[in-house]
C-alpha atoms as a PDB file:
ATOM      1  CA  MET A   1     -15.886 105.015 -35.445  1.00  0.00           C
ATOM      2  CA  LEU A   2     -13.930 107.776 -33.731  1.00  0.00           C
ATOM      3  CA  GLN A   3     -15.148 106.481 -30.188  1.00  0.00           C
ATOM      4  CA  PHE A   4     -11.476 105.895 -29.082  1.00  0.00           C
ATOM      5  CA  LEU A   5     -10.830 109.393 -28.955  1.00  0.00           C
ATOM      6  CA  GLN A   6     -10.923 111.463 -25.340  1.00  0.00           C
ATOM      7  CA  PRO A   7     -11.284 115.162 -25.002  1.00  0.00           C
ATOM      8  CA  VAL A   8      -7.931 116.853 -24.072  1.00  0.00           C
ATOM      9  CA  THR A   9      -8.457 118.143 -20.733  1.00  0.00           C
ATOM     10  CA  LEU A  10      -6.160 118.735 -17.613  1.00  0.00           C
ATOM     11  CA  ASP A  11      -6.707 115.124 -16.739  1.00  0.00           C
ATOM     12  CA  ALA A  12      -4.771 114.024 -20.074  1.00  0.00           C
ATOM     13  CA  LEU A  13      -1.764 115.850 -18.918  1.00  0.00           C
ATOM     14  CA  PRO A  14       0.223 112.662 -17.811  1.00  0.00           C
ATOM     15  CA  ILE A  15      -0.394 110.956 -20.997  1.00  0.00           C
ATOM     16  CA  LEU A  16       0.317 113.776 -23.170  1.00  0.00           C
ATOM     17  CA  ALA A  17       3.640 114.254 -21.313  1.00  0.00           C
ATOM     18  CA  ASP A  18       4.738 111.005 -22.284  1.00  0.00           C
ATOM     19  CA  PHE A  19       4.900 112.383 -25.869  1.00  0.00           C
ATOM     20  CA  LEU A  20       5.395 116.178 -25.558  1.00  0.00           C
ATOM     21  CA  PRO A  21       7.262 118.490 -25.691  1.00  0.00           C
ATOM     22  CA  HIS A  22      10.330 116.129 -26.468  1.00  0.00           C
ATOM     23  CA  GLY A  23       8.254 114.565 -29.551  1.00  0.00           C
ATOM     24  CA  GLY A  24       7.124 117.901 -30.768  1.00  0.00           C
ATOM     25  CA  SER A  25       8.226 119.232 -34.034  1.00  0.00           C
ATOM     26  CA  GLY A  26       8.485 122.948 -32.899  1.00  0.00           C
ATOM     27  CA  ASP A  27       4.872 123.636 -34.046  1.00  0.00           C
ATOM     28  CA  CYS A  28       3.566 126.040 -31.421  1.00  0.00           C
ATOM     29  CA  ASN A  29       0.622 123.787 -30.591  1.00  0.00           C
ATOM     30  CA  HIS A  30       3.102 121.208 -29.591  1.00  0.00           C
ATOM     31  CA  SER A  31       3.463 122.444 -26.055  1.00  0.00           C
ATOM     32  CA  LEU A  32       1.258 120.998 -23.167  1.00  0.00           C
ATOM     33  CA  ALA A  33       0.127 124.390 -22.236  1.00  0.00           C
ATOM     34  CA  ALA A  34      -1.211 125.144 -25.848  1.00  0.00           C
ATOM     35  CA  LEU A  35      -2.765 121.826 -26.286  1.00  0.00           C
ATOM     36  CA  ILE A  36      -4.754 121.886 -22.935  1.00  0.00           C
ATOM     37  CA  SER A  37      -5.544 125.428 -22.572  1.00  0.00           C
ATOM     38  CA  ARG A  38      -6.988 125.926 -26.178  1.00  0.00           C
ATOM     39  CA  ALA A  39      -8.551 122.609 -26.199  1.00  0.00           C
ATOM     40  CA  ARG A  40     -12.031 123.584 -26.226  1.00  0.00           C
ATOM     41  CA  GLU A  41     -11.550 126.402 -28.698  1.00  0.00           C
ATOM     42  CA  HIS A  42      -9.910 123.788 -31.384  1.00  0.00           C
ATOM     43  CA  GLU A  43     -11.919 120.940 -30.380  1.00  0.00           C
ATOM     44  CA  THR A  44      -9.325 118.720 -29.363  1.00  0.00           C
ATOM     45  CA  ALA A  45      -9.250 115.100 -28.667  1.00  0.00           C
ATOM     46  CA  TYR A  46      -6.641 112.626 -28.366  1.00  0.00           C
ATOM     47  CA  ALA A  47      -5.726 108.743 -28.247  1.00  0.00           C
ATOM     48  CA  VAL A  48      -2.512 106.546 -27.927  1.00  0.00           C
ATOM     49  CA  PHE A  49      -2.676 104.251 -30.784  1.00  0.00           C
ATOM     50  CA  HIS A  50       0.118 101.776 -31.442  1.00  0.00           C
ATOM     51  CA  ASP A  51       2.041 103.694 -28.975  1.00  0.00           C
ATOM     52  CA  ARG A  52       1.980 106.853 -31.015  1.00  0.00           C
ATOM     53  CA  LEU A  53      -0.141 110.106 -29.718  1.00  0.00           C
ATOM     54  CA  LEU A  54      -3.125 111.008 -32.181  1.00  0.00           C
ATOM     55  CA  ILE A  55      -4.369 114.490 -32.060  1.00  0.00           C
ATOM     56  CA  ARG A  56      -7.748 115.449 -33.766  1.00  0.00           C
ATOM     57  CA  TRP A  57      -8.503 119.166 -33.919  1.00  0.00           C
ATOM     58  CA  ARG A  58      -9.768 121.944 -35.813  1.00  0.00           C
ATOM     59  CA  PRO A  59      -6.575 124.107 -36.335  1.00  0.00           C
ATOM     60  CA  VAL A  60      -8.638 127.166 -37.570  1.00  0.00           C
ATOM     61  CA  PRO A  61     -12.189 128.106 -37.538  1.00  0.00           C
ATOM     62  CA  GLU A  62     -12.608 127.956 -41.142  1.00  0.00           C
ATOM     63  CA  ALA A  63     -10.790 124.439 -41.481  1.00  0.00           C
ATOM     64  CA  PRO A  64     -12.438 120.896 -40.998  1.00  0.00           C
ATOM     65  CA  LEU A  65     -11.596 118.627 -38.155  1.00  0.00           C
ATOM     66  CA  MET A  66      -8.330 116.659 -38.753  1.00  0.00           C
ATOM     67  CA  TRP A  67      -5.181 115.104 -37.569  1.00  0.00           C
ATOM     68  CA  MET A  68      -2.010 116.289 -36.335  1.00  0.00           C
ATOM     69  CA  ALA A  69       1.045 114.074 -37.847  1.00  0.00           C
ATOM     70  CA  PRO A  70       1.031 111.249 -35.430  1.00  0.00           C
ATOM     71  CA  ILE A  71       3.698 112.376 -32.665  1.00  0.00           C
ATOM     72  CA  GLY A  72       6.138 109.650 -31.838  1.00  0.00           C
ATOM     73  CA  CYS A  73       7.408 108.458 -35.058  1.00  0.00           C
ATOM     74  CA  THR A  74       9.213 109.692 -38.329  1.00  0.00           C
ATOM     75  CA  SER A  75       7.792 107.217 -41.074  1.00  0.00           C
ATOM     76  CA  CYS A  76       4.552 105.880 -39.915  1.00  0.00           C
ATOM     77  CA  GLY A  77       3.310 104.268 -43.330  1.00  0.00           C
ATOM     78  CA  THR A  78       1.302 101.781 -41.473  1.00  0.00           C
ATOM     79  CA  LEU A  79      -0.014 103.848 -39.376  1.00  0.00           C
ATOM     80  CA  ILE A  80      -1.085 106.371 -41.671  1.00  0.00           C
ATOM     81  CA  GLU A  81      -2.876 103.822 -43.596  1.00  0.00           C
ATOM     82  CA  GLU A  82      -4.827 102.706 -40.346  1.00  0.00           C
ATOM     83  CA  LEU A  83      -5.540 106.395 -39.757  1.00  0.00           C
ATOM     84  CA  GLU A  84      -7.010 106.680 -43.314  1.00  0.00           C
ATOM     85  CA  HIS A  85      -9.181 103.870 -43.011  1.00  0.00           C
ATOM     86  CA  ILE A  86     -10.506 105.335 -39.776  1.00  0.00           C
ATOM     87  CA  SER A  87     -11.109 108.666 -41.578  1.00  0.00           C
ATOM     88  CA  LEU A  88     -12.975 107.118 -44.306  1.00  0.00           C
ATOM     89  CA  GLU A  89     -15.098 105.261 -42.085  1.00  0.00           C
ATOM     90  CA  ALA A  90     -16.206 108.538 -40.589  1.00  0.00           C
ATOM     91  CA  GLY A  91     -16.892 109.807 -43.834  1.00  0.00           C
ATOM     92  CA  GLU A  92     -14.038 111.983 -44.534  1.00  0.00           C
ATOM     93  CA  PRO A  93     -10.579 111.939 -46.305  1.00  0.00           C
ATOM     94  CA  LEU A  94      -7.222 111.721 -44.295  1.00  0.00           C
ATOM     95  CA  ARG A  95      -5.937 115.122 -43.703  1.00  0.00           C
ATOM     96  CA  LEU A  96      -2.770 115.449 -41.703  1.00  0.00           C
ATOM     97  CA  TRP A  97      -1.789 118.970 -40.118  1.00  0.00           C
ATOM     98  CA  GLY A  98       2.150 119.672 -39.496  1.00  0.00           C
ATOM     99  CA  THR A  99       4.968 121.500 -41.336  1.00  0.00           C
ATOM    100  CA  VAL A 100       3.951 121.068 -44.919  1.00  0.00           C
ATOM    101  CA  PRO A 101       7.310 120.517 -46.611  1.00  0.00           C
ATOM    102  CA  ASP A 102       8.374 117.793 -44.074  1.00  0.00           C
ATOM    103  CA  LEU A 103       5.074 116.289 -43.914  1.00  0.00           C
ATOM    104  CA  MET A 104       4.948 115.806 -47.735  1.00  0.00           C
ATOM    105  CA  THR A 105       8.424 114.294 -47.802  1.00  0.00           C
ATOM    106  CA  ARG A 106       7.587 112.002 -44.962  1.00  0.00           C
ATOM    107  CA  LEU A 107       4.360 110.624 -46.844  1.00  0.00           C
ATOM    108  CA  GLN A 108       6.054 110.610 -49.932  1.00  0.00           C
ATOM    109  CA  ARG A 109       8.593 108.282 -48.456  1.00  0.00           C
ATOM    110  CA  SER A 110       6.172 106.018 -46.366  1.00  0.00           C
ATOM    111  CA  LEU A 111       3.556 105.922 -49.206  1.00  0.00           C
ATOM    112  CA  PRO A 112       5.189 106.729 -52.656  1.00  0.00           C
ATOM    113  CA  TYR A 113       2.415 105.393 -54.902  1.00  0.00           C
ATOM    114  CA  ARG A 114      -0.293 107.692 -53.433  1.00  0.00           C
ATOM    115  CA  ASN A 115      -1.130 111.400 -54.198  1.00  0.00           C
ATOM    116  CA  PHE A 116      -1.417 114.006 -51.737  1.00  0.00           C
ATOM    117  CA  THR A 117      -2.662 117.788 -51.933  1.00  0.00           C
ATOM    118  CA  ALA A 118      -1.506 120.687 -49.360  1.00  0.00           C
ATOM    119  CA  THR A 119      -3.547 123.307 -47.942  1.00  0.00           C
ATOM    120  CA  THR A 120      -1.450 126.169 -46.447  1.00  0.00           C
ATOM    121  CA  SER A 121      -1.384 130.051 -45.990  1.00  0.00           C
ATOM    122  CA  ASN A 122       1.163 132.276 -44.738  1.00  0.00           C
ATOM    123  CA  ALA A 123      -1.088 133.402 -42.231  1.00  0.00           C
ATOM    124  CA  TRP A 124      -0.673 129.999 -40.279  1.00  0.00           C
ATOM    125  CA  TRP A 125       2.906 129.909 -40.592  1.00  0.00           C
ATOM    126  CA  ASP A 126       5.087 130.253 -37.065  1.00  0.00           C
ATOM    127  CA  TYR A 127       7.685 132.852 -36.843  1.00  0.00           C
ATOM    128  CA  LEU A 128      11.030 131.543 -35.433  1.00  0.00           C
ATOM    129  CA  TYR A 129      14.058 133.423 -34.150  1.00  0.00           C
ATOM    130  CA  ARG A 130      17.223 132.858 -32.700  1.00  0.00           C
ATOM    131  CA  ARG A 131      17.014 132.870 -28.840  1.00  0.00           C
ATOM    132  CA  ASP A 132      20.603 134.090 -28.394  1.00  0.00           C
ATOM    133  CA  GLN A 133      19.756 137.216 -30.562  1.00  0.00           C
ATOM    134  CA  PHE A 134      16.703 138.070 -28.448  1.00  0.00           C
ATOM    135  CA  ALA A 135      18.675 137.809 -25.279  1.00  0.00           C
ATOM    136  CA  THR A 136      21.394 140.302 -26.806  1.00  0.00           C
ATOM    137  CA  LEU A 137      19.509 142.493 -29.100  1.00  0.00           C
ATOM    138  CA  GLU A 138      22.416 142.828 -31.021  1.00  0.00           C
ATOM    139  CA  GLY A 139      22.482 142.943 -34.898  1.00  0.00           C
ATOM    140  CA  ARG A 140      21.619 146.091 -37.375  1.00  0.00           C
ATOM    141  CA  ARG A 141      18.200 144.486 -37.975  1.00  0.00           C
ATOM    142  CA  LEU A 142      17.455 144.599 -33.974  1.00  0.00           C
ATOM    143  CA  ASN A 143      18.775 148.342 -33.705  1.00  0.00           C
ATOM    144  CA  GLY A 144      15.237 149.690 -33.381  1.00  0.00           C
ATOM    145  CA  LYS A 145      14.366 147.127 -30.642  1.00  0.00           C
ATOM    146  CA  ARG A 146      17.775 147.637 -28.843  1.00  0.00           C
ATOM    147  CA  ASN A 147      17.089 151.204 -28.875  1.00  0.00           C
ATOM    148  CA  PHE A 148      13.548 151.128 -27.211  1.00  0.00           C
ATOM    149  CA  ALA A 149      15.029 148.652 -24.581  1.00  0.00           C
ATOM    150  CA  ARG A 150      17.839 151.159 -23.684  1.00  0.00           C
ATOM    151  CA  ARG A 151      15.106 153.992 -23.455  1.00  0.00           C
ATOM    152  CA  PHE A 152      13.246 151.869 -21.284  1.00  0.00           C
ATOM    153  CA  TRP A 153      15.916 151.099 -18.786  1.00  0.00           C
ATOM    154  CA  ALA A 154      17.066 154.848 -18.928  1.00  0.00           C
ATOM    155  CA  ALA A 155      13.884 155.988 -17.839  1.00  0.00           C
ATOM    156  CA  SER A 156      13.067 153.275 -15.315  1.00  0.00           C
ATOM    157  CA  PRO A 157      16.552 151.753 -14.058  1.00  0.00           C
ATOM    158  CA  GLU A 158      14.859 150.464 -10.853  1.00  0.00           C
ATOM    159  CA  ALA A 159      12.569 148.218 -13.063  1.00  0.00           C
ATOM    160  CA  ARG A 160      13.200 144.422 -12.634  1.00  0.00           C
ATOM    161  CA  PHE A 161      12.177 141.178 -14.338  1.00  0.00           C
ATOM    162  CA  GLU A 162      10.957 138.658 -12.064  1.00  0.00           C
ATOM    163  CA  PRO A 163      10.161 134.780 -12.720  1.00  0.00           C
ATOM    164  CA  LEU A 164       6.580 133.559 -12.594  1.00  0.00           C
ATOM    165  CA  ASN A 165       6.062 132.327  -9.053  1.00  0.00           C
ATOM    166  CA  ASP A 166       3.028 131.946  -6.324  1.00  0.00           C
ATOM    167  CA  GLU A 167       3.344 135.886  -5.768  1.00  0.00           C
ATOM    168  CA  THR A 168       3.812 137.277  -9.202  1.00  0.00           C
ATOM    169  CA  VAL A 169       1.234 134.916 -10.920  1.00  0.00           C
ATOM    170  CA  PRO A 170      -1.881 136.765  -9.087  1.00  0.00           C
ATOM    171  CA  LEU A 171      -0.300 140.197 -10.156  1.00  0.00           C
ATOM    172  CA  CYS A 172      -0.127 138.881 -13.714  1.00  0.00           C
ATOM    173  CA  LEU A 173      -3.788 137.953 -13.695  1.00  0.00           C
ATOM    174  CA  ALA A 174      -4.761 141.352 -12.336  1.00  0.00           C
ATOM    175  CA  PHE A 175      -2.812 142.895 -14.939  1.00  0.00           C
ATOM    176  CA  LEU A 176      -4.551 140.484 -17.779  1.00  0.00           C
ATOM    177  CA  ASN A 177      -7.871 141.414 -16.513  1.00  0.00           C
ATOM    178  CA  ASP A 178      -7.176 145.398 -16.747  1.00  0.00           C
ATOM    179  CA  TRP A 179      -5.393 144.842 -20.291  1.00  0.00           C
ATOM    180  CA  TYR A 180      -8.534 143.313 -21.610  1.00  0.00           C
ATOM    181  CA  ALA A 181     -10.869 145.596 -19.904  1.00  0.00           C
ATOM    182  CA  ASP A 182      -9.029 148.443 -21.634  1.00  0.00           C
ATOM    183  CA  LYS A 183      -9.818 146.798 -25.221  1.00  0.00           C
ATOM    184  CA  GLY A 184     -13.575 147.210 -24.710  1.00  0.00           C
ATOM    185  CA  ALA A 185     -16.117 144.449 -25.629  1.00  0.00           C
ATOM    186  CA  MET A 186     -14.638 140.867 -25.526  1.00  0.00           C
ATOM    187  CA  THR A 187     -14.700 139.020 -28.710  1.00  0.00           C
ATOM    188  CA  PRO A 188     -14.922 135.325 -29.026  1.00  0.00           C
ATOM    189  CA  SER A 189     -11.164 135.026 -29.892  1.00  0.00           C
ATOM    190  CA  MET A 190     -10.182 137.479 -26.885  1.00  0.00           C
ATOM    191  CA  GLN A 191     -12.119 135.508 -24.593  1.00  0.00           C
ATOM    192  CA  ALA A 192     -10.627 132.259 -25.507  1.00  0.00           C
ATOM    193  CA  GLU A 193      -7.166 133.805 -25.246  1.00  0.00           C
ATOM    194  CA  ALA A 194      -7.837 135.101 -21.825  1.00  0.00           C
ATOM    195  CA  ASP A 195      -9.177 131.896 -20.533  1.00  0.00           C
ATOM    196  CA  ALA A 196      -6.343 129.943 -21.884  1.00  0.00           C
ATOM    197  CA  ALA A 197      -3.589 132.353 -20.290  1.00  0.00           C
ATOM    198  CA  LYS A 198      -5.622 131.886 -16.819  1.00  0.00           C
ATOM    199  CA  LEU A 199      -5.633 128.160 -17.085  1.00  0.00           C
ATOM    200  CA  SER A 200      -1.919 128.347 -18.231  1.00  0.00           C
ATOM    201  CA  LEU A 201      -0.984 130.763 -15.371  1.00  0.00           C
ATOM    202  CA  GLU A 202      -3.048 128.645 -12.459  1.00  0.00           C
ATOM    203  CA  HIS A 203      -1.306 125.449 -13.707  1.00  0.00           C
ATOM    204  CA  ARG A 204       2.225 126.764 -14.747  1.00  0.00           C
ATOM    205  CA  GLN A 205       4.248 124.081 -13.117  1.00  0.00           C
ATOM    206  CA  ALA A 206       2.305 121.075 -14.325  1.00  0.00           C
ATOM    207  CA  LEU A 207       2.050 122.655 -17.939  1.00  0.00           C
ATOM    208  CA  GLY A 208       5.919 123.414 -17.994  1.00  0.00           C
ATOM    209  CA  ILE A 209       5.386 127.202 -18.230  1.00  0.00           C
ATOM    210  CA  GLN A 210       8.326 129.571 -18.096  1.00  0.00           C
ATOM    211  CA  GLY A 211       8.119 133.124 -18.030  1.00  0.00           C
ATOM    212  CA  GLY A 212       8.095 136.568 -15.992  1.00  0.00           C
ATOM    213  CA  VAL A 213       6.848 139.651 -15.006  1.00  0.00           C
ATOM    214  CA  LEU A 214       8.352 143.274 -15.794  1.00  0.00           C
ATOM    215  CA  MET A 215       7.764 145.409 -12.441  1.00  0.00           C
ATOM    216  CA  LEU A 216       8.195 148.946 -11.699  1.00  0.00           C
ATOM    217  CA  GLY A 217       8.215 149.417  -7.944  1.00  0.00           C
ATOM    218  CA  ASP A 218       4.936 147.421  -7.279  1.00  0.00           C
ATOM    219  CA  ARG A 219       3.350 148.078 -10.469  1.00  0.00           C
ATOM    220  CA  VAL A 220       3.122 145.631 -13.366  1.00  0.00           C
ATOM    221  CA  CYS A 221       3.860 146.873 -16.635  1.00  0.00           C
ATOM    222  CA  GLY A 222       4.062 143.632 -18.482  1.00  0.00           C
ATOM    223  CA  PHE A 223       4.268 139.806 -18.510  1.00  0.00           C
ATOM    224  CA  THR A 224       5.063 136.950 -20.738  1.00  0.00           C
ATOM    225  CA  TYR A 225       5.410 133.231 -20.891  1.00  0.00           C
ATOM    226  CA  GLY A 226       5.648 130.162 -23.024  1.00  0.00           C
ATOM    227  CA  ALA A 227       6.676 126.544 -22.994  1.00  0.00           C
ATOM    228  CA  MET A 228       8.944 124.041 -24.724  1.00  0.00           C
ATOM    229  CA  VAL A 229       7.457 122.817 -28.177  1.00  0.00           C
ATOM    230  CA  SER A 230      10.517 120.392 -29.103  1.00  0.00           C
ATOM    231  CA  PRO A 231      13.982 119.640 -27.348  1.00  0.00           C
ATOM    232  CA  ASP A 232      15.418 122.968 -28.748  1.00  0.00           C
ATOM    233  CA  VAL A 233      12.510 125.274 -29.338  1.00  0.00           C
ATOM    234  CA  PHE A 234      10.682 127.478 -26.953  1.00  0.00           C
ATOM    235  CA  ALA A 235       6.933 128.962 -27.893  1.00  0.00           C
ATOM    236  CA  VAL A 236       6.102 132.315 -26.558  1.00  0.00           C
ATOM    237  CA  HIS A 237       2.605 131.802 -26.014  1.00  0.00           C
ATOM    238  CA  VAL A 238       1.555 135.242 -24.308  1.00  0.00           C
ATOM    239  CA  GLU A 239       3.447 138.682 -24.182  1.00  0.00           C
ATOM    240  CA  LYS A 240       1.262 141.801 -22.697  1.00  0.00           C
ATOM    241  CA  ALA A 241       2.540 145.110 -21.737  1.00  0.00           C
ATOM    242  CA  SER A 242       1.489 148.500 -20.974  1.00  0.00           C
ATOM    243  CA  ARG A 243       1.479 150.541 -24.238  1.00  0.00           C
ATOM    244  CA  GLU A 244       2.126 153.757 -22.367  1.00  0.00           C
ATOM    245  CA  VAL A 245       5.345 152.261 -20.897  1.00  0.00           C
ATOM    246  CA  THR A 246       8.052 153.097 -23.956  1.00  0.00           C
ATOM    247  CA  GLY A 247      10.178 149.957 -24.568  1.00  0.00           C
ATOM    248  CA  ALA A 248       8.099 147.571 -22.315  1.00  0.00           C
ATOM    249  CA  TYR A 249       7.477 144.980 -25.303  1.00  0.00           C
ATOM    250  CA  PRO A 250      11.259 144.620 -26.302  1.00  0.00           C
ATOM    251  CA  VAL A 251      12.466 144.560 -22.758  1.00  0.00           C
ATOM    252  CA  LEU A 252      10.038 141.480 -21.884  1.00  0.00           C
ATOM    253  CA  ALA A 253      11.088 139.561 -25.198  1.00  0.00           C
ATOM    254  CA  SER A 254      14.609 139.833 -24.445  1.00  0.00           C
ATOM    255  CA  GLU A 255      14.469 139.288 -20.611  1.00  0.00           C
ATOM    256  CA  LEU A 256      12.384 136.182 -21.285  1.00  0.00           C
ATOM    257  CA  ALA A 257      15.170 134.918 -23.535  1.00  0.00           C
ATOM    258  CA  LYS A 258      17.733 135.707 -21.013  1.00  0.00           C
ATOM    259  CA  ILE A 259      16.380 133.144 -18.679  1.00  0.00           C
ATOM    260  CA  LEU A 260      15.830 130.194 -20.850  1.00  0.00           C
ATOM    261  CA  PRO A 261      18.637 127.473 -20.813  1.00  0.00           C
ATOM    262  CA  GLU A 262      21.324 127.276 -23.548  1.00  0.00           C
ATOM    263  CA  SER A 263      19.827 124.302 -24.958  1.00  0.00           C
ATOM    264  CA  VAL A 264      16.910 126.250 -26.545  1.00  0.00           C
ATOM    265  CA  LEU A 265      18.192 127.473 -29.936  1.00  0.00           C
ATOM    266  CA  PHE A 266      14.906 129.100 -31.307  1.00  0.00           C
ATOM    267  CA  LEU A 267      11.894 131.122 -30.055  1.00  0.00           C
ATOM    268  CA  ASN A 268       8.669 130.228 -31.886  1.00  0.00           C
ATOM    269  CA  ARG A 269       6.464 133.321 -31.533  1.00  0.00           C
ATOM    270  CA  GLU A 270       3.630 131.993 -33.442  1.00  0.00           C
ATOM    271  CA  GLU A 271       1.566 133.139 -36.291  1.00  0.00           C
ATOM    272  CA  ASP A 272       0.512 136.493 -37.504  1.00  0.00           C
ATOM    273  CA  LEU A 273      -3.002 135.207 -38.372  1.00  0.00           C
ATOM    274  CA  GLY A 274      -2.779 137.357 -41.462  1.00  0.00           C
ATOM    275  CA  LEU A 275      -3.241 140.717 -39.564  1.00  0.00           C
ATOM    276  CA  PRO A 276      -1.070 143.267 -41.554  1.00  0.00           C
ATOM    277  CA  GLY A 277      -0.013 144.953 -38.120  1.00  0.00           C
ATOM    278  CA  LEU A 278       0.796 141.697 -36.554  1.00  0.00           C
ATOM    279  CA  ARG A 279       2.918 140.781 -39.592  1.00  0.00           C
ATOM    280  CA  LYS A 280       4.873 143.901 -39.638  1.00  0.00           C
ATOM    281  CA  ALA A 281       5.422 143.312 -35.900  1.00  0.00           C
ATOM    282  CA  LYS A 282       6.808 139.727 -36.308  1.00  0.00           C
ATOM    283  CA  SER A 283       8.869 140.725 -39.251  1.00  0.00           C
ATOM    284  CA  ASP A 284      10.545 143.668 -37.624  1.00  0.00           C
ATOM    285  CA  TRP A 285      12.011 141.018 -34.996  1.00  0.00           C
ATOM    286  CA  ALA A 286      14.099 139.502 -38.109  1.00  0.00           C
ATOM    287  CA  PRO A 287      12.888 135.836 -38.219  1.00  0.00           C
ATOM    288  CA  ALA A 288      15.592 133.301 -38.722  1.00  0.00           C
ATOM    289  CA  SER A 289      12.746 131.234 -40.590  1.00  0.00           C
ATOM    290  CA  MET A 290       9.123 130.109 -40.827  1.00  0.00           C
ATOM    291  CA  ASN A 291       7.554 127.153 -39.825  1.00  0.00           C
ATOM    292  CA  GLN A 292       5.207 126.459 -43.040  1.00  0.00           C
ATOM    293  CA  LYS A 293       2.215 124.855 -41.310  1.00  0.00           C
ATOM    294  CA  GLY A 294      -0.861 123.595 -43.149  1.00  0.00           C
ATOM    295  CA  TRP A 295      -2.506 120.418 -43.795  1.00  0.00           C
ATOM    296  CA  VAL A 296      -2.058 117.483 -46.286  1.00  0.00           C
ATOM    297  CA  THR A 297      -4.823 115.368 -47.845  1.00  0.00           C
ATOM    298  CA  LEU A 298      -4.420 111.962 -48.792  1.00  0.00           C
ATOM    299  CA  GLU A 299      -6.094 111.613 -52.183  1.00  0.00           C
ATOM    300  CA  GLY A 300      -7.825 108.457 -53.320  1.00  0.00           C
ATOM    301  CA  GLN A 301      -6.185 105.114 -54.185  1.00  0.00           C
ATOM    302  CA  ASN A 302      -4.372 105.099 -57.613  1.00  0.00           C
ATOM    303  CA  ASN A 303      -5.313 102.748 -59.897  1.00  0.00           C
END
């Protein structure tokens, strides 16, 4: 029934890399790093089917298992019908995860006589920002971030932002351990995040990770990294800093944007998970748009 699927592991990297990130939609989950490092958490499996990449996963704990919209095509009408047949054989309707407005348009174009229902929540939507604005921190809406960054550099003119490499990655891993230790008992979600970060850093080159570490002398006060999720969108997967170092977070965000290539137009800084504090923090950075993610369920055949 679903036996053609294989679990997503590091061994799947060569196959996944044939489709991603160049075939990604900009969804923060469309980086090789995100798919592989969070595969156990999301119960992620894959297959190449009719020269398209199929991903089956559980996007959020409260959701059923479903398919990402097939990667490698824009219409996919026949493929969608085959995927529906596979789903029905498994005893479930066809559910497709993606950017809901775009997904609905594609489905209506490919299957004009079918009905669909959408399930979405703004807790799942990705925040998208202009990379150039992060690099310069210019503009009235970023005035507060700019001031915090100036305070950081005024207090620590000797600080430096160094790229991730064989020397700095161990420093990041040690900092990460201390950062979580300060939080107290690890929740399952915190442990999943920590495990994903460790795997991503240890395999950074294979996973296309780009990032850096903020140093004060020989002391780490923060690090950040991410990966491409489409030809012009870079997802920031992790950003950790010492809260007692004023301005460390905006400096990390800005310095990362500076080292990315000019071809990167947008930063995807992921979801707010419905958490009020996180929502405010992401909104304060003046998002350019939101990637309205969710899933679309293909309803039964019309009479």
